């Protein structure tokens, strides 16, 4: 790609207001390329528009569990009732072309010396969650690049492996040789860490610095769209609480 600054984001979940805010913020910081760790759709009211926007900016994207299930008719036994209801609604909103695009996304992608995955590299198709060091250790056995970015939990966090694996919250980190980093960039469209602002990361390849950014967006507009689409009220409440 030849980019010096890359915007890394994920878990957009059909939230166009949040996505636009993140893209506007990254443009001000002279980002030259975009990558996404999956879950473009689900939960919010603008699935088609978010897919179109990522295609427009030529964003390199991997497949999330919502991307997978919203683009086919697979059973939804593993979904909570609210999530399953929105998946069914989203299936009706997406065109065949949108579904084909989502189905064609890879589970894992490597480029510019880093890796993208929605969940974990040991079993990306099983959509496992990584919250603690033991779960990160299993993943690190399969990570061949110094840095791997992921999503799925909607919470920014860094796992670093040198002699042992450590977990930490972070705002900025400098990538050091001889270590491995497994970094969750948080969620654009449905943060769950108590901060309602959209989250994403900027990776400066020249300085080897990775920074988490938080961006204000029009939460009320996104909530109004949820209400207008007659989606579950709980989804609108989560946007305001950031949980």
Foldseek 3Di string as FASTA:
>chain_A
DPWQKEWEAEQQAQQPQLVVQVVVVVVVVVGDAYEYQEDQHFLFQHSPVSLVVCVVRVYQYAYDPLLQLLLDPDDDPVDDPQRVVRSVVSVVVDDNVSSVVSNPGHQKDDDPQEIHHADAPVCRVVRDHDDDQVVVVSRVVRGDGQEYEYESVLEWKKWKDAPGIDIDHDFKDARDPRMHIYTYFGHSHFAAPQDLFGWIWMQRNVRRMIGIDGGDGDLVVRLVSCVVSVRDNVSSVRNVRRD
